[in-house]
Amino acid sequence: MSGDLFSYTAYLTQRFRLTRPPIWHNFLVNVGLRQAGLCYHWSDALYRHLTHQHYPHFAFHLVGANIGEYLFEHNALVITAKGGAVEEGILIDPWRNSGRLYFAPLSKDSAYHWIHRKERER
């Protein structure tokens, strides 16, 4: 699965025509000069891709921080063992470092206070 994560992130980097830093890319999306590449575009695309693959031992979850705060909301993906708690999962965040995967145990990411966004999962 790790190879799939890295290769699909590379694909999305090209598809989104990514620029750096992430906040600049967000500006370009918000003014219409880029079509996609906001944090939720990344998390949703990875979620859809991974849930359509055959990974029977893993579950995929969407998480968010600062929900509803326009400039500060952030979304990412969490991978858990099938049946495991989201809080025990691994955070996957390709937006944070402009297309380079950031990953860490969710509980160790001190940059954000994450909440599970079950309502966004399909």
PDB file of N, CA and C in Angstrom:
ATOM      1  N   MET A   1       0.816  -1.194   0.000  1.00  0.00           N
ATOM      2  CA  MET A   1       0.000   0.000   0.000  1.00  0.00           C
ATOM      3  C   MET A   1       0.858   1.256   0.000  1.00  0.00           C
ATOM      4  N   SER A   2       2.022   1.229   0.632  1.00  0.00           N
ATOM      5  CA  SER A   2       2.835   2.445   0.691  1.00  0.00           C
ATOM      6  C   SER A   2       3.233   2.906  -0.706  1.00  0.00           C
ATOM      7  N   GLY A   3       3.593   1.972  -1.580  1.00  0.00           N
ATOM      8  CA  GLY A   3       3.928   2.340  -2.951  1.00  0.00           C
ATOM      9  C   GLY A   3       2.750   3.000  -3.655  1.00  0.00           C
ATOM     10  N   ASP A   4       1.566   2.483  -3.395  1.00  0.00           N
ATOM     11  CA  ASP A   4       0.351   3.058  -3.967  1.00  0.00           C
ATOM     12  C   ASP A   4       0.139   4.488  -3.466  1.00  0.00           C
ATOM     13  N   LEU A   5       0.350   4.716  -2.177  1.00  0.00           N
ATOM     14  CA  LEU A   5       0.213   6.066  -1.614  1.00  0.00           C
ATOM     15  C   LEU A   5       1.174   7.050  -2.277  1.00  0.00           C
ATOM     16  N   PHE A   6       2.424   6.652  -2.412  1.00  0.00           N
ATOM     17  CA  PHE A   6       3.418   7.545  -3.001  1.00  0.00           C
ATOM     18  C   PHE A   6       3.149   7.780  -4.487  1.00  0.00           C
ATOM     19  N   SER A   7       2.812   6.724  -5.226  1.00  0.00           N
ATOM     20  CA  SER A   7       2.584   6.909  -6.664  1.00  0.00           C
ATOM     21  C   SER A   7       1.306   7.693  -6.930  1.00  0.00           C
ATOM     22  N   TYR A   8       0.254   7.472  -6.138  1.00  0.00           N
ATOM     23  CA  TYR A   8      -0.980   8.223  -6.370  1.00  0.00           C
ATOM     24  C   TYR A   8      -0.800   9.690  -5.963  1.00  0.00           C
ATOM     25  N   THR A   9      -0.027   9.941  -4.936  1.00  0.00           N
ATOM     26  CA  THR A   9       0.278  11.325  -4.552  1.00  0.00           C
ATOM     27  C   THR A   9       1.062  12.017  -5.666  1.00  0.00           C
ATOM     28  N   ALA A  10       2.018  11.319  -6.266  1.00  0.00           N
ATOM     29  CA  ALA A  10       2.767  11.899  -7.394  1.00  0.00           C
ATOM     30  C   ALA A  10       1.824  12.205  -8.559  1.00  0.00           C
ATOM     31  N   TYR A  11       0.897  11.309  -8.820  1.00  0.00           N
ATOM     32  CA  TYR A  11      -0.088  11.533  -9.876  1.00  0.00           C
ATOM     33  C   TYR A  11      -0.930  12.782  -9.566  1.00  0.00           C
ATOM     34  N   LEU A  12      -1.406  12.897  -8.337  1.00  0.00           N
ATOM     35  CA  LEU A  12      -2.230  14.053  -7.954  1.00  0.00           C
ATOM     36  C   LEU A  12      -1.429  15.355  -8.025  1.00  0.00           C
ATOM     37  N   THR A  13      -0.153  15.299  -7.679  1.00  0.00           N
ATOM     38  CA  THR A  13       0.710  16.478  -7.764  1.00  0.00           C
ATOM     39  C   THR A  13       0.721  17.015  -9.193  1.00  0.00           C
ATOM     40  N   GLN A  14       0.822  16.124 -10.150  1.00  0.00           N
ATOM     41  CA  GLN A  14       0.785  16.544 -11.557  1.00  0.00           C
ATOM     42  C   GLN A  14      -0.616  16.983 -11.970  1.00  0.00           C
ATOM     43  N   ARG A  15      -1.615  16.221 -11.573  1.00  0.00           N
ATOM     44  CA  ARG A  15      -2.998  16.546 -11.947  1.00  0.00           C
ATOM     45  C   ARG A  15      -3.432  17.901 -11.417  1.00  0.00           C
ATOM     46  N   PHE A  16      -3.020  18.215 -10.176  1.00  0.00           N
ATOM     47  CA  PHE A  16      -3.390  19.498  -9.567  1.00  0.00           C
ATOM     48  C   PHE A  16      -2.482  20.637 -10.033  1.00  0.00           C
ATOM     49  N   ARG A  17      -1.440  20.326 -10.828  1.00  0.00           N
ATOM     50  CA  ARG A  17      -0.462  21.332 -11.267  1.00  0.00           C
ATOM     51  C   ARG A  17       0.036  22.114 -10.047  1.00  0.00           C
ATOM     52  N   LEU A  18       0.518  21.381  -9.084  1.00  0.00           N
ATOM     53  CA  LEU A  18       0.842  21.903  -7.763  1.00  0.00           C
ATOM     54  C   LEU A  18       1.925  22.972  -7.784  1.00  0.00           C
ATOM     55  N   THR A  19       1.718  24.003  -6.987  1.00  0.00           N
ATOM     56  CA  THR A  19       2.711  25.037  -6.728  1.00  0.00           C
ATOM     57  C   THR A  19       3.006  25.049  -5.239  1.00  0.00           C
ATOM     58  N   ARG A  20       4.091  25.718  -4.869  1.00  0.00           N
ATOM     59  CA  ARG A  20       4.479  25.814  -3.459  1.00  0.00           C
ATOM     60  C   ARG A  20       4.533  27.264  -3.043  1.00  0.00           C
ATOM     61  N   PRO A  21       4.329  27.556  -1.793  1.00  0.00           N
ATOM     62  CA  PRO A  21       3.863  26.725  -0.687  1.00  0.00           C
ATOM     63  C   PRO A  21       2.370  26.424  -0.815  1.00  0.00           C
ATOM     64  N   PRO A  22       1.852  25.534   0.038  1.00  0.00           N
ATOM     65  CA  PRO A  22       0.450  25.127  -0.077  1.00  0.00           C
ATOM     66  C   PRO A  22      -0.532  26.305  -0.005  1.00  0.00           C
ATOM     67  N   ILE A  23      -0.246  27.272   0.813  1.00  0.00           N
ATOM     68  CA  ILE A  23      -1.166  28.412   0.946  1.00  0.00           C
ATOM     69  C   ILE A  23      -1.230  29.213  -0.359  1.00  0.00           C
ATOM     70  N   TRP A  24      -0.113  29.282  -1.105  1.00  0.00           N
ATOM     71  CA  TRP A  24      -0.109  29.944  -2.412  1.00  0.00           C
ATOM     72  C   TRP A  24      -0.966  29.150  -3.395  1.00  0.00           C
ATOM     73  N   HIS A  25      -0.821  27.847  -3.362  1.00  0.00           N
ATOM     74  CA  HIS A  25      -1.644  27.016  -4.238  1.00  0.00           C
ATOM     75  C   HIS A  25      -3.126  27.206  -3.906  1.00  0.00           C
ATOM     76  N   ASN A  26      -3.461  27.277  -2.610  1.00  0.00           N
ATOM     77  CA  ASN A  26      -4.850  27.531  -2.219  1.00  0.00           C
ATOM     78  C   ASN A  26      -5.345  28.840  -2.823  1.00  0.00           C
ATOM     79  N   PHE A  27      -4.515  29.872  -2.792  1.00  0.00           N
ATOM     80  CA  PHE A  27      -4.881  31.154  -3.382  1.00  0.00           C
ATOM     81  C   PHE A  27      -5.200  30.978  -4.866  1.00  0.00           C
ATOM     82  N   LEU A  28      -4.337  30.256  -5.581  1.00  0.00           N
ATOM     83  CA  LEU A  28      -4.547  30.045  -7.013  1.00  0.00           C
ATOM     84  C   LEU A  28      -5.858  29.300  -7.284  1.00  0.00           C
ATOM     85  N   VAL A  29      -6.183  28.334  -6.444  1.00  0.00           N
ATOM     86  CA  VAL A  29      -7.459  27.619  -6.588  1.00  0.00           C
ATOM     87  C   VAL A  29      -8.620  28.565  -6.307  1.00  0.00           C
ATOM     88  N   ASN A  30      -8.511  29.319  -5.238  1.00  0.00           N
ATOM     89  CA  ASN A  30      -9.617  30.198  -4.829  1.00  0.00           C
ATOM     90  C   ASN A  30      -9.894  31.331  -5.814  1.00  0.00           C
ATOM     91  N   VAL A  31      -8.895  31.747  -6.584  1.00  0.00           N
ATOM     92  CA  VAL A  31      -9.123  32.795  -7.592  1.00  0.00           C
ATOM     93  C   VAL A  31      -9.360  32.201  -8.981  1.00  0.00           C
ATOM     94  N   GLY A  32      -9.379  30.875  -9.080  1.00  0.00           N
ATOM     95  CA  GLY A  32      -9.723  30.224 -10.333  1.00  0.00           C
ATOM     96  C   GLY A  32      -8.582  29.938 -11.287  1.00  0.00           C
ATOM     97  N   LEU A  33      -7.331  30.098 -10.845  1.00  0.00           N
ATOM     98  CA  LEU A  33      -6.189  29.814 -11.715  1.00  0.00           C
ATOM     99  C   LEU A  33      -5.742  28.350 -11.656  1.00  0.00           C
ATOM    100  N   ARG A  34      -6.220  27.612 -10.686  1.00  0.00           N
ATOM    101  CA  ARG A  34      -6.039  26.167 -10.582  1.00  0.00           C
ATOM    102  C   ARG A  34      -7.410  25.582 -10.271  1.00  0.00           C
ATOM    103  N   GLN A  35      -7.641  24.362 -10.749  1.00  0.00           N
ATOM    104  CA  GLN A  35      -8.949  23.742 -10.537  1.00  0.00           C
ATOM    105  C   GLN A  35      -9.044  23.002  -9.210  1.00  0.00           C
ATOM    106  N   ALA A  36      -7.932  22.482  -8.725  1.00  0.00           N
ATOM    107  CA  ALA A  36      -7.973  21.672  -7.506  1.00  0.00           C
ATOM    108  C   ALA A  36      -6.618  21.699  -6.824  1.00  0.00           C
ATOM    109  N   GLY A  37      -6.603  21.175  -5.598  1.00  0.00           N
ATOM    110  CA  GLY A  37      -5.371  21.082  -4.833  1.00  0.00           C
ATOM    111  C   GLY A  37      -5.514  21.575  -3.408  1.00  0.00           C
ATOM    112  N   LEU A  38      -6.758  21.942  -3.008  1.00  0.00           N
ATOM    113  CA  LEU A  38      -6.988  22.279  -1.605  1.00  0.00           C
ATOM    114  C   LEU A  38      -6.841  21.000  -0.778  1.00  0.00           C
ATOM    115  N   CYS A  39      -6.656  21.140   0.521  1.00  0.00           N
ATOM    116  CA  CYS A  39      -6.394  19.972   1.363  1.00  0.00           C
ATOM    117  C   CYS A  39      -7.489  18.923   1.246  1.00  0.00           C
ATOM    118  N   TYR A  40      -8.751  19.339   1.154  1.00  0.00           N
ATOM    119  CA  TYR A  40      -9.813  18.340   1.061  1.00  0.00           C
ATOM    120  C   TYR A  40      -9.830  17.658  -0.306  1.00  0.00           C
ATOM    121  N   HIS A  41      -9.325  18.311  -1.348  1.00  0.00           N
ATOM    122  CA  HIS A  41      -9.198  17.628  -2.641  1.00  0.00           C
ATOM    123  C   HIS A  41      -8.222  16.460  -2.513  1.00  0.00           C
ATOM    124  N   TRP A  42      -7.107  16.710  -1.807  1.00  0.00           N
ATOM    125  CA  TRP A  42      -6.120  15.651  -1.593  1.00  0.00           C
ATOM    126  C   TRP A  42      -6.709  14.502  -0.781  1.00  0.00           C
ATOM    127  N   SER A  43      -7.290  14.829   0.375  1.00  0.00           N
ATOM    128  CA  SER A  43      -7.788  13.761   1.254  1.00  0.00           C
ATOM    129  C   SER A  43      -8.918  12.984   0.589  1.00  0.00           C
ATOM    130  N   ASP A  44      -9.831  13.682  -0.091  1.00  0.00           N
ATOM    131  CA  ASP A  44     -10.930  12.992  -0.760  1.00  0.00           C
ATOM    132  C   ASP A  44     -10.432  12.100  -1.887  1.00  0.00           C
ATOM    133  N   ALA A  45      -9.479  12.593  -2.684  1.00  0.00           N
ATOM    134  CA  ALA A  45      -8.956  11.797  -3.803  1.00  0.00           C
ATOM    135  C   ALA A  45      -8.236  10.543  -3.294  1.00  0.00           C
ATOM    136  N   LEU A  46      -7.421  10.693  -2.261  1.00  0.00           N
ATOM    137  CA  LEU A  46      -6.745   9.526  -1.696  1.00  0.00           C
ATOM    138  C   LEU A  46      -7.748   8.552  -1.088  1.00  0.00           C
ATOM    139  N   TYR A  47      -8.746   9.080  -0.380  1.00  0.00           N
ATOM    140  CA  TYR A  47      -9.776   8.240   0.227  1.00  0.00           C
ATOM    141  C   TYR A  47     -10.498   7.418  -0.850  1.00  0.00           C
ATOM    142  N   ARG A  48     -10.953   8.094  -1.912  1.00  0.00           N
ATOM    143  CA  ARG A  48     -11.659   7.382  -2.994  1.00  0.00           C
ATOM    144  C   ARG A  48     -10.755   6.331  -3.629  1.00  0.00           C
ATOM    145  N   HIS A  49      -9.518   6.711  -3.910  1.00  0.00           N
ATOM    146  CA  HIS A  49      -8.591   5.778  -4.547  1.00  0.00           C
ATOM    147  C   HIS A  49      -8.350   4.550  -3.666  1.00  0.00           C
ATOM    148  N   LEU A  50      -8.014   4.766  -2.420  1.00  0.00           N
ATOM    149  CA  LEU A  50      -7.656   3.652  -1.543  1.00  0.00           C
ATOM    150  C   LEU A  50      -8.843   2.764  -1.207  1.00  0.00           C
ATOM    151  N   THR A  51     -10.038   3.354  -1.078  1.00  0.00           N
ATOM    152  CA  THR A  51     -11.205   2.521  -0.773  1.00  0.00           C
ATOM    153  C   THR A  51     -11.627   1.664  -1.959  1.00  0.00           C
ATOM    154  N   HIS A  52     -11.158   1.995  -3.153  1.00  0.00           N
ATOM    155  CA  HIS A  52     -11.481   1.186  -4.327  1.00  0.00           C
ATOM    156  C   HIS A  52     -10.410   0.139  -4.631  1.00  0.00           C
ATOM    157  N   GLN A  53      -9.343   0.143  -3.862  1.00  0.00           N
ATOM    158  CA  GLN A  53      -8.301  -0.876  -4.010  1.00  0.00           C
ATOM    159  C   GLN A  53      -8.644  -2.043  -3.093  1.00  0.00           C
ATOM    160  N   HIS A  54      -7.880  -3.102  -3.197  1.00  0.00           N
ATOM    161  CA  HIS A  54      -8.134  -4.270  -2.354  1.00  0.00           C
ATOM    162  C   HIS A  54      -7.114  -4.292  -1.209  1.00  0.00           C
ATOM    163  N   TYR A  55      -7.479  -3.654  -0.100  1.00  0.00           N
ATOM    164  CA  TYR A  55      -6.657  -3.651   1.105  1.00  0.00           C
ATOM    165  C   TYR A  55      -7.519  -4.172   2.250  1.00  0.00           C
ATOM    166  N   PRO A  56      -7.698  -5.488   2.338  1.00  0.00           N
ATOM    167  CA  PRO A  56      -8.667  -6.047   3.282  1.00  0.00           C
ATOM    168  C   PRO A  56      -8.324  -5.857   4.758  1.00  0.00           C
ATOM    169  N   HIS A  57      -7.090  -5.531   5.067  1.00  0.00           N
ATOM    170  CA  HIS A  57      -6.687  -5.402   6.471  1.00  0.00           C
ATOM    171  C   HIS A  57      -6.663  -3.964   6.963  1.00  0.00           C
ATOM    172  N   PHE A  58      -7.044  -3.022   6.098  1.00  0.00           N
ATOM    173  CA  PHE A  58      -6.966  -1.601   6.436  1.00  0.00           C
ATOM    174  C   PHE A  58      -8.306  -0.911   6.241  1.00  0.00           C
ATOM    175  N   ALA A  59      -8.497   0.160   6.994  1.00  0.00           N
ATOM    176  CA  ALA A  59      -9.670   1.027   6.834  1.00  0.00           C
ATOM    177  C   ALA A  59      -9.155   2.450   6.646  1.00  0.00           C
ATOM    178  N   PHE A  60      -9.939   3.261   5.959  1.00  0.00           N
ATOM    179  CA  PHE A  60      -9.545   4.619   5.605  1.00  0.00           C
ATOM    180  C   PHE A  60     -10.590   5.590   6.126  1.00  0.00           C
ATOM    181  N   HIS A  61     -10.116   6.686   6.721  1.00  0.00           N
ATOM    182  CA  HIS A  61     -11.006   7.643   7.371  1.00  0.00           C
ATOM    183  C   HIS A  61     -10.597   9.067   7.022  1.00  0.00           C
ATOM    184  N   LEU A  62     -11.592   9.936   6.944  1.00  0.00           N
ATOM    185  CA  LEU A  62     -11.328  11.359   6.727  1.00  0.00           C
ATOM    186  C   LEU A  62     -11.360  12.071   8.066  1.00  0.00           C
ATOM    187  N   VAL A  63     -10.397  12.956   8.265  1.00  0.00           N
ATOM    188  CA  VAL A  63     -10.318  13.742   9.498  1.00  0.00           C
ATOM    189  C   VAL A  63     -10.186  15.217   9.134  1.00  0.00           C
ATOM    190  N   GLY A  64     -10.548  16.069  10.080  1.00  0.00           N
ATOM    191  CA  GLY A  64     -10.426  17.502   9.865  1.00  0.00           C
ATOM    192  C   GLY A  64     -10.031  18.213  11.144  1.00  0.00           C
ATOM    193  N   ALA A  65      -9.496  19.396  10.975  1.00  0.00           N
ATOM    194  CA  ALA A  65      -9.129  20.257  12.100  1.00  0.00           C
ATOM    195  C   ALA A  65      -9.638  21.657  11.792  1.00  0.00           C
ATOM    196  N   ASN A  66      -9.991  22.380  12.822  1.00  0.00           N
ATOM    197  CA  ASN A  66     -10.479  23.761  12.670  1.00  0.00           C
ATOM    198  C   ASN A  66     -11.648  23.839  11.683  1.00  0.00           C
ATOM    199  N   ILE A  67     -12.569  22.910  11.791  1.00  0.00           N
ATOM    200  CA  ILE A  67     -13.692  22.809  10.858  1.00  0.00           C
ATOM    201  C   ILE A  67     -14.499  24.103  10.865  1.00  0.00           C
ATOM    202  N   GLY A  68     -14.757  24.610   9.674  1.00  0.00           N
ATOM    203  CA  GLY A  68     -15.555  25.820   9.516  1.00  0.00           C
ATOM    204  C   GLY A  68     -14.776  27.118   9.581  1.00  0.00           C
ATOM    205  N   GLU A  69     -13.501  27.056   9.897  1.00  0.00           N
ATOM    206  CA  GLU A  69     -12.666  28.259   9.939  1.00  0.00           C
ATOM    207  C   GLU A  69     -11.981  28.410   8.586  1.00  0.00           C
ATOM    208  N   TYR A  70     -12.470  29.301   7.763  1.00  0.00           N
ATOM    209  CA  TYR A  70     -12.109  29.409   6.354  1.00  0.00           C
ATOM    210  C   TYR A  70     -10.609  29.307   6.086  1.00  0.00           C
ATOM    211  N   LEU A  71      -9.812  30.103   6.720  1.00  0.00           N
ATOM    212  CA  LEU A  71      -8.368  30.093   6.445  1.00  0.00           C
ATOM    213  C   LEU A  71      -7.598  29.003   7.184  1.00  0.00           C
ATOM    214  N   PHE A  72      -8.230  28.379   8.176  1.00  0.00           N
ATOM    215  CA  PHE A  72      -7.494  27.453   9.029  1.00  0.00           C
ATOM    216  C   PHE A  72      -7.989  26.017   8.985  1.00  0.00           C
ATOM    217  N   GLU A  73      -9.126  25.774   8.342  1.00  0.00           N
ATOM    218  CA  GLU A  73      -9.606  24.389   8.253  1.00  0.00           C
ATOM    219  C   GLU A  73      -8.600  23.549   7.482  1.00  0.00           C
ATOM    220  N   HIS A  74      -8.415  22.336   7.955  1.00  0.00           N
ATOM    221  CA  HIS A  74      -7.486  21.432   7.287  1.00  0.00           C
ATOM    222  C   HIS A  74      -8.075  20.028   7.315  1.00  0.00           C
ATOM    223  N   ASN A  75      -7.887  19.286   6.233  1.00  0.00           N
ATOM    224  CA  ASN A  75      -8.421  17.939   6.100  1.00  0.00           C
ATOM    225  C   ASN A  75      -7.314  16.988   5.689  1.00  0.00           C
ATOM    226  N   ALA A  76      -7.434  15.750   6.132  1.00  0.00           N
ATOM    227  CA  ALA A  76      -6.421  14.743   5.824  1.00  0.00           C
ATOM    228  C   ALA A  76      -7.068  13.359   5.869  1.00  0.00           C
ATOM    229  N   LEU A  77      -6.244  12.351   5.702  1.00  0.00           N
ATOM    230  CA  LEU A  77      -6.672  10.963   5.687  1.00  0.00           C
ATOM    231  C   LEU A  77      -5.983  10.221   6.822  1.00  0.00           C
ATOM    232  N   VAL A  78      -6.687   9.257   7.403  1.00  0.00           N
ATOM    233  CA  VAL A  78      -6.098   8.391   8.426  1.00  0.00           C
ATOM    234  C   VAL A  78      -6.295   6.949   7.993  1.00  0.00           C
ATOM    235  N   ILE A  79      -5.245   6.159   8.154  1.00  0.00           N
ATOM    236  CA  ILE A  79      -5.298   4.732   7.863  1.00  0.00           C
ATOM    237  C   ILE A  79      -5.211   3.978   9.181  1.00  0.00           C
ATOM    238  N   THR A  80      -6.134   3.034   9.347  1.00  0.00           N
ATOM    239  CA  THR A  80      -6.138   2.198  10.550  1.00  0.00           C
ATOM    240  C   THR A  80      -6.163   0.734  10.143  1.00  0.00           C
ATOM    241  N   ALA A  81      -5.863  -0.122  11.105  1.00  0.00           N
ATOM    242  CA  ALA A  81      -6.138  -1.537  10.909  1.00  0.00           C
ATOM    243  C   ALA A  81      -7.650  -1.680  10.836  1.00  0.00           C
ATOM    244  N   LYS A  82      -8.140  -2.628  10.047  1.00  0.00           N
ATOM    245  CA  LYS A  82      -9.581  -2.847   9.936  1.00  0.00           C
ATOM    246  C   LYS A  82     -10.166  -3.027  11.336  1.00  0.00           C
ATOM    247  N   GLY A  83     -11.166  -2.208  11.677  1.00  0.00           N
ATOM    248  CA  GLY A  83     -11.798  -2.270  12.988  1.00  0.00           C
ATOM    249  C   GLY A  83     -11.089  -1.458  14.057  1.00  0.00           C
ATOM    250  N   GLY A  84      -9.961  -0.860  13.723  1.00  0.00           N
ATOM    251  CA  GLY A  84      -9.201  -0.080  14.702  1.00  0.00           C
ATOM    252  C   GLY A  84      -9.788   1.308  14.904  1.00  0.00           C
ATOM    253  N   ALA A  85      -9.426   1.922  15.990  1.00  0.00           N
ATOM    254  CA  ALA A  85      -9.890   3.270  16.309  1.00  0.00           C
ATOM    255  C   ALA A  85      -9.123   4.299  15.481  1.00  0.00           C
ATOM    256  N   VAL A  86      -9.830   5.308  15.025  1.00  0.00           N
ATOM    257  CA  VAL A  86      -9.202   6.375  14.239  1.00  0.00           C
ATOM    258  C   VAL A  86      -8.055   6.999  15.015  1.00  0.00           C
ATOM    259  N   GLU A  87      -8.240   7.193  16.309  1.00  0.00           N
ATOM    260  CA  GLU A  87      -7.215   7.819  17.148  1.00  0.00           C
ATOM    261  C   GLU A  87      -5.906   7.029  17.173  1.00  0.00           C
ATOM    262  N   GLU A  88      -5.949   5.763  16.794  1.00  0.00           N
ATOM    263  CA  GLU A  88      -4.754   4.918  16.779  1.00  0.00           C
ATOM    264  C   GLU A  88      -4.154   4.792  15.383  1.00  0.00           C
ATOM    265  N   GLY A  89      -4.705   5.533  14.418  1.00  0.00           N
ATOM    266  CA  GLY A  89      -4.280   5.402  13.035  1.00  0.00           C
ATOM    267  C   GLY A  89      -3.079   6.254  12.666  1.00  0.00           C
ATOM    268  N   ILE A  90      -2.707   6.122  11.407  1.00  0.00           N
ATOM    269  CA  ILE A  90      -1.594   6.880  10.829  1.00  0.00           C
ATOM    270  C   ILE A  90      -2.174   7.989   9.966  1.00  0.00           C
ATOM    271  N   LEU A  91      -1.776   9.214  10.255  1.00  0.00           N
ATOM    272  CA  LEU A  91      -2.203  10.380   9.495  1.00  0.00           C
ATOM    273  C   LEU A  91      -1.425  10.445   8.192  1.00  0.00           C
ATOM    274  N   ILE A  92      -2.139  10.676   7.098  1.00  0.00           N
ATOM    275  CA  ILE A  92      -1.532  10.849   5.777  1.00  0.00           C
ATOM    276  C   ILE A  92      -1.949  12.232   5.289  1.00  0.00           C
ATOM    277  N   ASP A  93      -0.962  13.109   5.066  1.00  0.00           N
ATOM    278  CA  ASP A  93      -1.260  14.496   4.702  1.00  0.00           C
ATOM    279  C   ASP A  93      -0.328  14.955   3.579  1.00  0.00           C
ATOM    280  N   PRO A  94      -0.771  14.849   2.323  1.00  0.00           N
ATOM    281  CA  PRO A  94       0.076  15.293   1.212  1.00  0.00           C
ATOM    282  C   PRO A  94       0.021  16.799   0.965  1.00  0.00           C
ATOM    283  N   TRP A  95      -0.973  17.489   1.497  1.00  0.00           N
ATOM    284  CA  TRP A  95      -1.107  18.929   1.275  1.00  0.00           C
ATOM    285  C   TRP A  95      -0.053  19.717   2.054  1.00  0.00           C
ATOM    286  N   ARG A  96       0.193  19.341   3.278  1.00  0.00           N
ATOM    287  CA  ARG A  96       1.034  20.088   4.212  1.00  0.00           C
ATOM    288  C   ARG A  96       2.409  20.434   3.659  1.00  0.00           C
ATOM    289  N   ASN A  97       3.007  19.507   2.932  1.00  0.00           N
ATOM    290  CA  ASN A  97       4.350  19.713   2.380  1.00  0.00           C
ATOM    291  C   ASN A  97       4.325  19.758   0.852  1.00  0.00           C
ATOM    292  N   SER A  98       3.256  20.308   0.305  1.00  0.00           N
ATOM    293  CA  SER A  98       3.150  20.529  -1.151  1.00  0.00           C
ATOM    294  C   SER A  98       3.421  19.279  -1.975  1.00  0.00           C
ATOM    295  N   GLY A  99       2.692  18.212  -1.684  1.00  0.00           N
ATOM    296  CA  GLY A  99       2.799  16.997  -2.478  1.00  0.00           C
ATOM    297  C   GLY A  99       3.776  15.970  -1.960  1.00  0.00           C
ATOM    298  N   ARG A 100       4.556  16.305  -0.949  1.00  0.00           N
ATOM    299  CA  ARG A 100       5.414  15.310  -0.292  1.00  0.00           C
ATOM    300  C   ARG A 100       4.628  14.783   0.900  1.00  0.00           C
ATOM    301  N   LEU A 101       4.502  13.469   0.970  1.00  0.00           N
ATOM    302  CA  LEU A 101       3.672  12.886   2.013  1.00  0.00           C
ATOM    303  C   LEU A 101       4.202  13.166   3.415  1.00  0.00           C
ATOM    304  N   TYR A 102       3.326  13.689   4.249  1.00  0.00           N
ATOM    305  CA  TYR A 102       3.593  13.770   5.683  1.00  0.00           C
ATOM    306  C   TYR A 102       2.801  12.623   6.292  1.00  0.00           C
ATOM    307  N   PHE A 103       3.440  11.826   7.108  1.00  0.00           N
ATOM    308  CA  PHE A 103       2.718  10.773   7.803  1.00  0.00           C
ATOM    309  C   PHE A 103       3.286  10.618   9.201  1.00  0.00           C
ATOM    310  N   ALA A 104       2.395  10.349  10.131  1.00  0.00           N
ATOM    311  CA  ALA A 104       2.760  10.190  11.532  1.00  0.00           C
ATOM    312  C   ALA A 104       1.577   9.570  12.258  1.00  0.00           C
ATOM    313  N   PRO A 105       1.811   8.969  13.415  1.00  0.00           N
ATOM    314  CA  PRO A 105       0.662   8.543  14.206  1.00  0.00           C
ATOM    315  C   PRO A 105      -0.230   9.762  14.481  1.00  0.00           C
ATOM    316  N   LEU A 106      -1.512   9.599  14.309  1.00  0.00           N
ATOM    317  CA  LEU A 106      -2.433  10.718  14.502  1.00  0.00           C
ATOM    318  C   LEU A 106      -2.230  11.374  15.861  1.00  0.00           C
ATOM    319  N   SER A 107      -2.016  10.568  16.875  1.00  0.00           N
ATOM    320  CA  SER A 107      -1.852  11.092  18.237  1.00  0.00           C
ATOM    321  C   SER A 107      -0.574  11.904  18.414  1.00  0.00           C
ATOM    322  N   LYS A 108       0.383  11.779  17.506  1.00  0.00           N
ATOM    323  CA  LYS A 108       1.664  12.488  17.623  1.00  0.00           C
ATOM    324  C   LYS A 108       1.714  13.774  16.809  1.00  0.00           C
ATOM    325  N   ASP A 109       0.657  14.067  16.045  1.00  0.00           N
ATOM    326  CA  ASP A 109       0.663  15.276  15.225  1.00  0.00           C
ATOM    327  C   ASP A 109       0.211  16.456  16.079  1.00  0.00           C
ATOM    328  N   SER A 110       1.175  17.232  16.543  1.00  0.00           N
ATOM    329  CA  SER A 110       0.862  18.354  17.429  1.00  0.00           C
ATOM    330  C   SER A 110       0.456  19.619  16.668  1.00  0.00           C
ATOM    331  N   ALA A 111       0.546  19.599  15.349  1.00  0.00           N
ATOM    332  CA  ALA A 111       0.197  20.786  14.560  1.00  0.00           C
ATOM    333  C   ALA A 111      -1.310  21.023  14.521  1.00  0.00           C
ATOM    334  N   TYR A 112      -2.102  19.963  14.673  1.00  0.00           N
ATOM    335  CA  TYR A 112      -3.556  20.081  14.557  1.00  0.00           C
ATOM    336  C   TYR A 112      -4.246  19.209  15.600  1.00  0.00           C
ATOM    337  N   HIS A 113      -5.466  19.606  15.938  1.00  0.00           N
ATOM    338  CA  HIS A 113      -6.346  18.769  16.769  1.00  0.00           C
ATOM    339  C   HIS A 113      -7.367  18.162  15.811  1.00  0.00           C
ATOM    340  N   TRP A 114      -7.192  16.891  15.481  1.00  0.00           N
ATOM    341  CA  TRP A 114      -7.991  16.229  14.456  1.00  0.00           C
ATOM    342  C   TRP A 114      -9.278  15.640  15.015  1.00  0.00           C
ATOM    343  N   ILE A 115     -10.333  15.702  14.211  1.00  0.00           N
ATOM    344  CA  ILE A 115     -11.583  15.010  14.545  1.00  0.00           C
ATOM    345  C   ILE A 115     -11.994  14.161  13.345  1.00  0.00           C
ATOM    346  N   HIS A 116     -12.613  13.044  13.647  1.00  0.00           N
ATOM    347  CA  HIS A 116     -13.076  12.125  12.610  1.00  0.00           C
ATOM    348  C   HIS A 116     -14.276  12.750  11.899  1.00  0.00           C
ATOM    349  N   ARG A 117     -14.249  12.766  10.584  1.00  0.00           N
ATOM    350  CA  ARG A 117     -15.333  13.355   9.788  1.00  0.00           C
ATOM    351  C   ARG A 117     -16.131  12.244   9.091  1.00  0.00           C
ATOM    352  N   LYS A 118     -16.804  11.442   9.885  1.00  0.00           N
ATOM    353  CA  LYS A 118     -17.570  10.300   9.381  1.00  0.00           C
ATOM    354  C   LYS A 118     -18.590  10.719   8.330  1.00  0.00           C
ATOM    355  N   GLU A 119     -19.162  11.909   8.501  1.00  0.00           N
ATOM    356  CA  GLU A 119     -20.221  12.365   7.594  1.00  0.00           C
ATOM    357  C   GLU A 119     -19.707  12.573   6.169  1.00  0.00           C
ATOM    358  N   ARG A 120     -18.406  12.704   5.997  1.00  0.00           N
ATOM    359  CA  ARG A 120     -17.836  12.921   4.668  1.00  0.00           C
ATOM    360  C   ARG A 120     -17.428  11.601   4.008  1.00  0.00           C
ATOM    361  N   GLU A 121     -17.409  10.531   4.757  1.00  0.00           N
ATOM    362  CA  GLU A 121     -16.994   9.250   4.206  1.00  0.00           C
ATOM    363  C   GLU A 121     -18.162   8.605   3.463  1.00  0.00           C
ATOM    364  N   ARG A 122     -17.842   7.945   2.381  1.00  0.00           N
ATOM    365  CA  ARG A 122     -18.882   7.293   1.582  1.00  0.00           C
ATOM    366  C   ARG A 122     -18.697   5.801   1.631  1.00  0.00           C
TER     367      ARG A 122
END
